[in-house]
Amino acid sequence: SINRKIDYPINSQGVANIPLESIN
């Protein structure tokens, strides 16, 4: 979770795909 506002799931390999532009 980014700032407890945006959540990202983890796939079966334990990896998340998070756009870097969504992180500051």
mmCIF file of all heavy atoms, coordinates in Angstrom:
data_MODEL
# 
_entry.id   MODEL 
# 
loop_
_atom_site.group_PDB 
_atom_site.id 
_atom_site.type_symbol 
_atom_site.label_atom_id 
_atom_site.label_alt_id 
_atom_site.label_comp_id 
_atom_site.label_asym_id 
_atom_site.label_entity_id 
_atom_site.label_seq_id 
_atom_site.pdbx_PDB_ins_code 
_atom_site.Cartn_x 
_atom_site.Cartn_y 
_atom_site.Cartn_z 
_atom_site.occupancy 
_atom_site.B_iso_or_equiv 
_atom_site.pdbx_formal_charge 
_atom_site.auth_seq_id 
_atom_site.auth_comp_id 
_atom_site.auth_asym_id 
_atom_site.auth_atom_id 
_atom_site.pdbx_PDB_model_num 
ATOM 1   N N   . SER A 1 1  ? 0.847  -1.191  0.000   1.00 0.00 ? 1  SER A N   1 
ATOM 2   C CA  . SER A 1 1  ? 0.000  0.000   0.000   1.00 0.00 ? 1  SER A CA  1 
ATOM 3   C C   . SER A 1 1  ? 0.882  1.241   0.000   1.00 0.00 ? 1  SER A C   1 
ATOM 4   O O   . SER A 1 1  ? 1.828  1.336   0.781   1.00 0.00 ? 1  SER A O   1 
ATOM 5   C CB  . SER A 1 1  ? -0.919 0.005   1.227   1.00 0.00 ? 1  SER A CB  1 
ATOM 6   O OG  . SER A 1 1  ? -1.673 1.197   1.288   1.00 0.00 ? 1  SER A OG  1 
ATOM 7   N N   . ILE A 1 2  ? 0.576  2.180   -0.892  1.00 0.00 ? 2  ILE A N   1 
ATOM 8   C CA  . ILE A 1 2  ? 1.290  3.455   -0.936  1.00 0.00 ? 2  ILE A CA  1 
ATOM 9   C C   . ILE A 1 2  ? 0.485  4.482   -0.155  1.00 0.00 ? 2  ILE A C   1 
ATOM 10  O O   . ILE A 1 2  ? -0.647 4.816   -0.519  1.00 0.00 ? 2  ILE A O   1 
ATOM 11  C CB  . ILE A 1 2  ? 1.475  3.945   -2.391  1.00 0.00 ? 2  ILE A CB  1 
ATOM 12  C CG1 . ILE A 1 2  ? 2.054  2.837   -3.272  1.00 0.00 ? 2  ILE A CG1 1 
ATOM 13  C CG2 . ILE A 1 2  ? 2.362  5.185   -2.419  1.00 0.00 ? 2  ILE A CG2 1 
ATOM 14  C CD1 . ILE A 1 2  ? 3.430  2.367   -2.875  1.00 0.00 ? 2  ILE A CD1 1 
ATOM 15  N N   . ASN A 1 3  ? 1.052  4.938   0.960   1.00 0.00 ? 3  ASN A N   1 
ATOM 16  C CA  . ASN A 1 3  ? 0.399  5.938   1.823   1.00 0.00 ? 3  ASN A CA  1 
ATOM 17  C C   . ASN A 1 3  ? -0.984 5.499   2.292   1.00 0.00 ? 3  ASN A C   1 
ATOM 18  O O   . ASN A 1 3  ? -1.839 6.332   2.603   1.00 0.00 ? 3  ASN A O   1 
ATOM 19  C CB  . ASN A 1 3  ? 0.283  7.284   1.095   1.00 0.00 ? 3  ASN A CB  1 
ATOM 20  C CG  . ASN A 1 3  ? 1.633  7.885   0.783   1.00 0.00 ? 3  ASN A CG  1 
ATOM 21  O OD1 . ASN A 1 3  ? 2.579  7.766   1.555   1.00 0.00 ? 3  ASN A OD1 1 
ATOM 22  N ND2 . ASN A 1 3  ? 1.741  8.513   -0.374  1.00 0.00 ? 3  ASN A ND2 1 
ATOM 23  N N   . ARG A 1 4  ? -1.221 4.171   2.314   1.00 0.00 ? 4  ARG A N   1 
ATOM 24  C CA  . ARG A 1 4  ? -2.511 3.601   2.717   1.00 0.00 ? 4  ARG A CA  1 
ATOM 25  C C   . ARG A 1 4  ? -3.660 4.118   1.849   1.00 0.00 ? 4  ARG A C   1 
ATOM 26  O O   . ARG A 1 4  ? -4.813 4.157   2.282   1.00 0.00 ? 4  ARG A O   1 
ATOM 27  C CB  . ARG A 1 4  ? -2.807 3.864   4.196   1.00 0.00 ? 4  ARG A CB  1 
ATOM 28  C CG  . ARG A 1 4  ? -1.796 3.250   5.138   1.00 0.00 ? 4  ARG A CG  1 
ATOM 29  C CD  . ARG A 1 4  ? -2.377 3.041   6.511   1.00 0.00 ? 4  ARG A CD  1 
ATOM 30  N NE  . ARG A 1 4  ? -1.404 2.583   7.462   1.00 0.00 ? 4  ARG A NE  1 
ATOM 31  C CZ  . ARG A 1 4  ? -0.939 1.347   7.538   1.00 0.00 ? 4  ARG A CZ  1 
ATOM 32  N NH1 . ARG A 1 4  ? -1.338 0.451   6.655   1.00 0.00 ? 4  ARG A NH1 1 
ATOM 33  N NH2 . ARG A 1 4  ? -0.066 0.995   8.451   1.00 0.00 ? 4  ARG A NH2 1 
ATOM 34  N N   . LYS A 1 5  ? -3.376 4.529   0.632   1.00 0.00 ? 5  LYS A N   1 
ATOM 35  C CA  . LYS A 1 5  ? -4.405 5.030   -0.276  1.00 0.00 ? 5  LYS A CA  1 
ATOM 36  C C   . LYS A 1 5  ? -4.520 4.164   -1.518  1.00 0.00 ? 5  LYS A C   1 
ATOM 37  O O   . LYS A 1 5  ? -5.613 3.953   -2.038  1.00 0.00 ? 5  LYS A O   1 
ATOM 38  C CB  . LYS A 1 5  ? -4.092 6.476   -0.672  1.00 0.00 ? 5  LYS A CB  1 
ATOM 39  C CG  . LYS A 1 5  ? -4.171 7.464   0.472   1.00 0.00 ? 5  LYS A CG  1 
ATOM 40  C CD  . LYS A 1 5  ? -3.862 8.876   -0.007  1.00 0.00 ? 5  LYS A CD  1 
ATOM 41  C CE  . LYS A 1 5  ? -3.950 9.871   1.149   1.00 0.00 ? 5  LYS A CE  1 
ATOM 42  N NZ  . LYS A 1 5  ? -3.618 11.250  0.703   1.00 0.00 ? 5  LYS A NZ  1 
ATOM 43  N N   . ILE A 1 6  ? -3.384 3.677   -2.024  1.00 0.00 ? 6  ILE A N   1 
ATOM 44  C CA  . ILE A 1 6  ? -3.373 2.862   -3.238  1.00 0.00 ? 6  ILE A CA  1 
ATOM 45  C C   . ILE A 1 6  ? -2.789 1.494   -2.892  1.00 0.00 ? 6  ILE A C   1 
ATOM 46  O O   . ILE A 1 6  ? -1.676 1.404   -2.383  1.00 0.00 ? 6  ILE A O   1 
ATOM 47  C CB  . ILE A 1 6  ? -2.545 3.513   -4.353  1.00 0.00 ? 6  ILE A CB  1 
ATOM 48  C CG1 . ILE A 1 6  ? -3.009 4.951   -4.613  1.00 0.00 ? 6  ILE A CG1 1 
ATOM 49  C CG2 . ILE A 1 6  ? -2.633 2.700   -5.638  1.00 0.00 ? 6  ILE A CG2 1 
ATOM 50  C CD1 . ILE A 1 6  ? -2.153 5.705   -5.595  1.00 0.00 ? 6  ILE A CD1 1 
ATOM 51  N N   . ASP A 1 7  ? -3.542 0.433   -3.160  1.00 0.00 ? 7  ASP A N   1 
ATOM 52  C CA  . ASP A 1 7  ? -3.095 -0.930  -2.867  1.00 0.00 ? 7  ASP A CA  1 
ATOM 53  C C   . ASP A 1 7  ? -2.708 -1.646  -4.159  1.00 0.00 ? 7  ASP A C   1 
ATOM 54  O O   . ASP A 1 7  ? -3.345 -1.465  -5.198  1.00 0.00 ? 7  ASP A O   1 
ATOM 55  C CB  . ASP A 1 7  ? -4.202 -1.721  -2.166  1.00 0.00 ? 7  ASP A CB  1 
ATOM 56  C CG  . ASP A 1 7  ? -4.480 -1.182  -0.767  1.00 0.00 ? 7  ASP A CG  1 
ATOM 57  O OD1 . ASP A 1 7  ? -3.509 -0.984  -0.026  1.00 0.00 ? 7  ASP A OD1 1 
ATOM 58  O OD2 . ASP A 1 7  ? -5.652 -0.971  -0.437  1.00 0.00 ? 7  ASP A OD2 1 
ATOM 59  N N   . TYR A 1 8  ? -1.684 -2.475  -4.047  1.00 0.00 ? 8  TYR A N   1 
ATOM 60  C CA  . TYR A 1 8  ? -1.224 -3.255  -5.194  1.00 0.00 ? 8  TYR A CA  1 
ATOM 61  C C   . TYR A 1 8  ? -1.147 -4.725  -4.798  1.00 0.00 ? 8  TYR A C   1 
ATOM 62  O O   . TYR A 1 8  ? -0.537 -5.072  -3.782  1.00 0.00 ? 8  TYR A O   1 
ATOM 63  C CB  . TYR A 1 8  ? 0.150  -2.773  -5.664  1.00 0.00 ? 8  TYR A CB  1 
ATOM 64  C CG  . TYR A 1 8  ? 0.119  -1.383  -6.241  1.00 0.00 ? 8  TYR A CG  1 
ATOM 65  C CD1 . TYR A 1 8  ? 0.369  -0.279  -5.425  1.00 0.00 ? 8  TYR A CD1 1 
ATOM 66  C CD2 . TYR A 1 8  ? -0.183 -1.165  -7.576  1.00 0.00 ? 8  TYR A CD2 1 
ATOM 67  C CE1 . TYR A 1 8  ? 0.325  1.004   -5.939  1.00 0.00 ? 8  TYR A CE1 1 
ATOM 68  C CE2 . TYR A 1 8  ? -0.223 0.122   -8.101  1.00 0.00 ? 8  TYR A CE2 1 
ATOM 69  C CZ  . TYR A 1 8  ? 0.034  1.200   -7.278  1.00 0.00 ? 8  TYR A CZ  1 
ATOM 70  O OH  . TYR A 1 8  ? -0.015 2.470   -7.786  1.00 0.00 ? 8  TYR A OH  1 
ATOM 71  N N   . PRO A 1 9  ? -1.757 -5.607  -5.578  1.00 0.00 ? 9  PRO A N   1 
ATOM 72  C CA  . PRO A 1 9  ? -1.727 -7.040  -5.265  1.00 0.00 ? 9  PRO A CA  1 
ATOM 73  C C   . PRO A 1 9  ? -0.391 -7.671  -5.622  1.00 0.00 ? 9  PRO A C   1 
ATOM 74  O O   . PRO A 1 9  ? 0.408  -7.116  -6.383  1.00 0.00 ? 9  PRO A O   1 
ATOM 75  C CB  . PRO A 1 9  ? -2.847 -7.601  -6.151  1.00 0.00 ? 9  PRO A CB  1 
ATOM 76  C CG  . PRO A 1 9  ? -2.879 -6.667  -7.321  1.00 0.00 ? 9  PRO A CG  1 
ATOM 77  C CD  . PRO A 1 9  ? -2.522 -5.306  -6.785  1.00 0.00 ? 9  PRO A CD  1 
ATOM 78  N N   . ILE A 1 10 ? -0.155 -8.846  -5.065  1.00 0.00 ? 10 ILE A N   1 
ATOM 79  C CA  . ILE A 1 10 ? 1.044  -9.637  -5.334  1.00 0.00 ? 10 ILE A CA  1 
ATOM 80  C C   . ILE A 1 10 ? 0.630  -10.829 -6.187  1.00 0.00 ? 10 ILE A C   1 
ATOM 81  O O   . ILE A 1 10 ? -0.382 -11.469 -5.921  1.00 0.00 ? 10 ILE A O   1 
ATOM 82  C CB  . ILE A 1 10 ? 1.691  -10.129 -4.019  1.00 0.00 ? 10 ILE A CB  1 
ATOM 83  C CG1 . ILE A 1 10 ? 1.942  -8.951  -3.070  1.00 0.00 ? 10 ILE A CG1 1 
ATOM 84  C CG2 . ILE A 1 10 ? 2.975  -10.884 -4.288  1.00 0.00 ? 10 ILE A CG2 1 
ATOM 85  C CD1 . ILE A 1 10 ? 2.902  -7.915  -3.585  1.00 0.00 ? 10 ILE A CD1 1 
ATOM 86  N N   . ASN A 1 11 ? 1.418  -11.141 -7.208  1.00 0.00 ? 11 ASN A N   1 
ATOM 87  C CA  . ASN A 1 11 ? 1.063  -12.291 -8.052  1.00 0.00 ? 11 ASN A CA  1 
ATOM 88  C C   . ASN A 1 11 ? 1.584  -13.589 -7.458  1.00 0.00 ? 11 ASN A C   1 
ATOM 89  O O   . ASN A 1 11 ? 2.166  -13.610 -6.366  1.00 0.00 ? 11 ASN A O   1 
ATOM 90  C CB  . ASN A 1 11 ? 1.554  -12.084 -9.490  1.00 0.00 ? 11 ASN A CB  1 
ATOM 91  C CG  . ASN A 1 11 ? 3.072  -11.965 -9.584  1.00 0.00 ? 11 ASN A CG  1 
ATOM 92  O OD1 . ASN A 1 11 ? 3.803  -12.485 -8.749  1.00 0.00 ? 11 ASN A OD1 1 
ATOM 93  N ND2 . ASN A 1 11 ? 3.549  -11.272 -10.604 1.00 0.00 ? 11 ASN A ND2 1 
ATOM 94  N N   . SER A 1 12 ? 1.397  -14.695 -8.168  1.00 0.00 ? 12 SER A N   1 
ATOM 95  C CA  . SER A 1 12 ? 1.756  -16.019 -7.646  1.00 0.00 ? 12 SER A CA  1 
ATOM 96  C C   . SER A 1 12 ? 3.261  -16.194 -7.465  1.00 0.00 ? 12 SER A C   1 
ATOM 97  O O   . SER A 1 12 ? 3.703  -17.121 -6.794  1.00 0.00 ? 12 SER A O   1 
ATOM 98  C CB  . SER A 1 12 ? 1.212  -17.118 -8.573  1.00 0.00 ? 12 SER A CB  1 
ATOM 99  O OG  . SER A 1 12 ? 1.718  -16.952 -9.890  1.00 0.00 ? 12 SER A OG  1 
ATOM 100 N N   . GLN A 1 13 ? 4.058  -15.316 -8.049  1.00 0.00 ? 13 GLN A N   1 
ATOM 101 C CA  . GLN A 1 13 ? 5.509  -15.354 -7.853  1.00 0.00 ? 13 GLN A CA  1 
ATOM 102 C C   . GLN A 1 13 ? 5.964  -14.438 -6.714  1.00 0.00 ? 13 GLN A C   1 
ATOM 103 O O   . GLN A 1 13 ? 7.163  -14.273 -6.475  1.00 0.00 ? 13 GLN A O   1 
ATOM 104 C CB  . GLN A 1 13 ? 6.240  -14.944 -9.147  1.00 0.00 ? 13 GLN A CB  1 
ATOM 105 C CG  . GLN A 1 13 ? 6.229  -15.995 -10.247 1.00 0.00 ? 13 GLN A CG  1 
ATOM 106 C CD  . GLN A 1 13 ? 4.882  -16.063 -10.945 1.00 0.00 ? 13 GLN A CD  1 
ATOM 107 O OE1 . GLN A 1 13 ? 4.309  -15.026 -11.283 1.00 0.00 ? 13 GLN A OE1 1 
ATOM 108 N NE2 . GLN A 1 13 ? 4.379  -17.262 -11.165 1.00 0.00 ? 13 GLN A NE2 1 
ATOM 109 N N   . GLY A 1 14 ? 4.989  -13.839 -6.020  1.00 0.00 ? 14 GLY A N   1 
ATOM 110 C CA  . GLY A 1 14 ? 5.315  -12.953 -4.917  1.00 0.00 ? 14 GLY A CA  1 
ATOM 111 C C   . GLY A 1 14 ? 5.756  -11.575 -5.356  1.00 0.00 ? 14 GLY A C   1 
ATOM 112 O O   . GLY A 1 14 ? 6.368  -10.836 -4.581  1.00 0.00 ? 14 GLY A O   1 
ATOM 113 N N   . VAL A 1 15 ? 5.450  -11.197 -6.598  1.00 0.00 ? 15 VAL A N   1 
ATOM 114 C CA  . VAL A 1 15 ? 5.931  -9.946  -7.179  1.00 0.00 ? 15 VAL A CA  1 
ATOM 115 C C   . VAL A 1 15 ? 4.767  -8.985  -7.400  1.00 0.00 ? 15 VAL A C   1 
ATOM 116 O O   . VAL A 1 15 ? 3.684  -9.389  -7.832  1.00 0.00 ? 15 VAL A O   1 
ATOM 117 C CB  . VAL A 1 15 ? 6.663  -10.207 -8.514  1.00 0.00 ? 15 VAL A CB  1 
ATOM 118 C CG1 . VAL A 1 15 ? 7.058  -8.895  -9.189  1.00 0.00 ? 15 VAL A CG1 1 
ATOM 119 C CG2 . VAL A 1 15 ? 7.897  -11.075 -8.277  1.00 0.00 ? 15 VAL A CG2 1 
ATOM 120 N N   . ALA A 1 16 ? 5.003  -7.706  -7.120  1.00 0.00 ? 16 ALA A N   1 
ATOM 121 C CA  . ALA A 1 16 ? 4.031  -6.653  -7.421  1.00 0.00 ? 16 ALA A CA  1 
ATOM 122 C C   . ALA A 1 16 ? 4.519  -5.858  -8.626  1.00 0.00 ? 16 ALA A C   1 
ATOM 123 O O   . ALA A 1 16 ? 5.728  -5.757  -8.860  1.00 0.00 ? 16 ALA A O   1 
ATOM 124 C CB  . ALA A 1 16 ? 3.868  -5.733  -6.222  1.00 0.00 ? 16 ALA A CB  1 
ATOM 125 N N   . ASN A 1 17 ? 3.602  -5.311  -9.394  1.00 0.00 ? 17 ASN A N   1 
ATOM 126 C CA  . ASN A 1 17 ? 3.937  -4.462  -10.531 1.00 0.00 ? 17 ASN A CA  1 
ATOM 127 C C   . ASN A 1 17 ? 3.416  -3.060  -10.248 1.00 0.00 ? 17 ASN A C   1 
ATOM 128 O O   . ASN A 1 17 ? 2.234  -2.782  -10.430 1.00 0.00 ? 17 ASN A O   1 
ATOM 129 C CB  . ASN A 1 17 ? 3.325  -5.025  -11.813 1.00 0.00 ? 17 ASN A CB  1 
ATOM 130 C CG  . ASN A 1 17 ? 3.941  -6.354  -12.205 1.00 0.00 ? 17 ASN A CG  1 
ATOM 131 O OD1 . ASN A 1 17 ? 5.131  -6.444  -12.446 1.00 0.00 ? 17 ASN A OD1 1 
ATOM 132 N ND2 . ASN A 1 17 ? 3.119  -7.396  -12.254 1.00 0.00 ? 17 ASN A ND2 1 
ATOM 133 N N   . ILE A 1 18 ? 4.309  -2.208  -9.786  1.00 0.00 ? 18 ILE A N   1 
ATOM 134 C CA  . ILE A 1 18 ? 3.917  -0.873  -9.334  1.00 0.00 ? 18 ILE A CA  1 
ATOM 135 C C   . ILE A 1 18 ? 4.576  0.178   -10.227 1.00 0.00 ? 18 ILE A C   1 
ATOM 136 O O   . ILE A 1 18 ? 5.805  0.240   -10.310 1.00 0.00 ? 18 ILE A O   1 
ATOM 137 C CB  . ILE A 1 18 ? 4.334  -0.653  -7.868  1.00 0.00 ? 18 ILE A CB  1 
ATOM 138 C CG1 . ILE A 1 18 ? 3.721  -1.744  -6.974  1.00 0.00 ? 18 ILE A CG1 1 
ATOM 139 C CG2 . ILE A 1 18 ? 3.924  0.731   -7.387  1.00 0.00 ? 18 ILE A CG2 1 
ATOM 140 C CD1 . ILE A 1 18 ? 4.178  -1.683  -5.539  1.00 0.00 ? 18 ILE A CD1 1 
ATOM 141 N N   . PRO A 1 19 ? 3.803  1.007   -10.904 1.00 0.00 ? 19 PRO A N   1 
ATOM 142 C CA  . PRO A 1 19 ? 4.395  2.069   -11.731 1.00 0.00 ? 19 PRO A CA  1 
ATOM 143 C C   . PRO A 1 19 ? 5.220  3.023   -10.866 1.00 0.00 ? 19 PRO A C   1 
ATOM 144 O O   . PRO A 1 19 ? 4.746  3.519   -9.841  1.00 0.00 ? 19 PRO A O   1 
ATOM 145 C CB  . PRO A 1 19 ? 3.181  2.777   -12.321 1.00 0.00 ? 19 PRO A CB  1 
ATOM 146 C CG  . PRO A 1 19 ? 2.062  1.788   -12.209 1.00 0.00 ? 19 PRO A CG  1 
ATOM 147 C CD  . PRO A 1 19 ? 2.333  0.990   -10.977 1.00 0.00 ? 19 PRO A CD  1 
ATOM 148 N N   . LEU A 1 20 ? 6.444  3.266   -11.277 1.00 0.00 ? 20 LEU A N   1 
ATOM 149 C CA  . LEU A 1 20 ? 7.307  4.161   -10.508 1.00 0.00 ? 20 LEU A CA  1 
ATOM 150 C C   . LEU A 1 20 ? 6.735  5.569   -10.421 1.00 0.00 ? 20 LEU A C   1 
ATOM 151 O O   . LEU A 1 20 ? 6.977  6.292   -9.451  1.00 0.00 ? 20 LEU A O   1 
ATOM 152 C CB  . LEU A 1 20 ? 8.702  4.200   -11.146 1.00 0.00 ? 20 LEU A CB  1 
ATOM 153 C CG  . LEU A 1 20 ? 9.677  3.099   -10.702 1.00 0.00 ? 20 LEU A CG  1 
ATOM 154 C CD1 . LEU A 1 20 ? 10.959 3.183   -11.501 1.00 0.00 ? 20 LEU A CD1 1 
ATOM 155 C CD2 . LEU A 1 20 ? 9.965  3.196   -9.211  1.00 0.00 ? 20 LEU A CD2 1 
ATOM 156 N N   . GLU A 1 21 ? 5.950  5.938   -11.411 1.00 0.00 ? 21 GLU A N   1 
ATOM 157 C CA  . GLU A 1 21 ? 5.370  7.280   -11.402 1.00 0.00 ? 21 GLU A CA  1 
ATOM 158 C C   . GLU A 1 21 ? 4.345  7.466   -10.292 1.00 0.00 ? 21 GLU A C   1 
ATOM 159 O O   . GLU A 1 21 ? 3.996  8.593   -9.946  1.00 0.00 ? 21 GLU A O   1 
ATOM 160 C CB  . GLU A 1 21 ? 4.725  7.573   -12.757 1.00 0.00 ? 21 GLU A CB  1 
ATOM 161 C CG  . GLU A 1 21 ? 3.561  6.659   -13.099 1.00 0.00 ? 21 GLU A CG  1 
ATOM 162 C CD  . GLU A 1 21 ? 2.982  6.922   -14.489 1.00 0.00 ? 21 GLU A CD  1 
ATOM 163 O OE1 . GLU A 1 21 ? 3.641  7.610   -15.272 1.00 0.00 ? 21 GLU A OE1 1 
ATOM 164 O OE2 . GLU A 1 21 ? 1.873  6.433   -14.752 1.00 0.00 ? 21 GLU A OE2 1 
ATOM 165 N N   . SER A 1 22 ? 3.861  6.349   -9.715  1.00 0.00 ? 22 SER A N   1 
ATOM 166 C CA  . SER A 1 22 ? 2.895  6.443   -8.616  1.00 0.00 ? 22 SER A CA  1 
ATOM 167 C C   . SER A 1 22 ? 3.571  6.574   -7.254  1.00 0.00 ? 22 SER A C   1 
ATOM 168 O O   . SER A 1 22 ? 2.903  6.696   -6.237  1.00 0.00 ? 22 SER A O   1 
ATOM 169 C CB  . SER A 1 22 ? 1.977  5.215   -8.615  1.00 0.00 ? 22 SER A CB  1 
ATOM 170 O OG  . SER A 1 22 ? 2.713  4.036   -8.298  1.00 0.00 ? 22 SER A OG  1 
ATOM 171 N N   . ILE A 1 23 ? 4.920  6.524   -7.236  1.00 0.00 ? 23 ILE A N   1 
ATOM 172 C CA  . ILE A 1 23 ? 5.684  6.629   -5.988  1.00 0.00 ? 23 ILE A CA  1 
ATOM 173 C C   . ILE A 1 23 ? 6.459  7.943   -6.006  1.00 0.00 ? 23 ILE A C   1 
ATOM 174 O O   . ILE A 1 23 ? 7.121  8.275   -6.988  1.00 0.00 ? 23 ILE A O   1 
ATOM 175 C CB  . ILE A 1 23 ? 6.659  5.450   -5.829  1.00 0.00 ? 23 ILE A CB  1 
ATOM 176 C CG1 . ILE A 1 23 ? 5.909  4.118   -5.888  1.00 0.00 ? 23 ILE A CG1 1 
ATOM 177 C CG2 . ILE A 1 23 ? 7.430  5.561   -4.517  1.00 0.00 ? 23 ILE A CG2 1 
ATOM 178 C CD1 . ILE A 1 23 ? 6.821  2.914   -5.895  1.00 0.00 ? 23 ILE A CD1 1 
ATOM 179 N N   . ASN A 1 24 ? 6.392  8.672   -4.902  1.00 0.00 ? 24 ASN A N   1 
ATOM 180 C CA  . ASN A 1 24 ? 7.120  9.930   -4.776  1.00 0.00 ? 24 ASN A CA  1 
ATOM 181 C C   . ASN A 1 24 ? 8.030  9.886   -3.557  1.00 0.00 ? 24 ASN A C   1 
ATOM 182 O O   . ASN A 1 24 ? 7.754  9.159   -2.581  1.00 0.00 ? 24 ASN A O   1 
ATOM 183 C CB  . ASN A 1 24 ? 6.151  11.109  -4.647  1.00 0.00 ? 24 ASN A CB  1 
ATOM 184 C CG  . ASN A 1 24 ? 5.248  11.250  -5.853  1.00 0.00 ? 24 ASN A CG  1 
ATOM 185 O OD1 . ASN A 1 24 ? 5.724  11.394  -6.975  1.00 0.00 ? 24 ASN A OD1 1 
ATOM 186 N ND2 . ASN A 1 24 ? 3.933  11.197  -5.622  1.00 0.00 ? 24 ASN A ND2 1 
# 
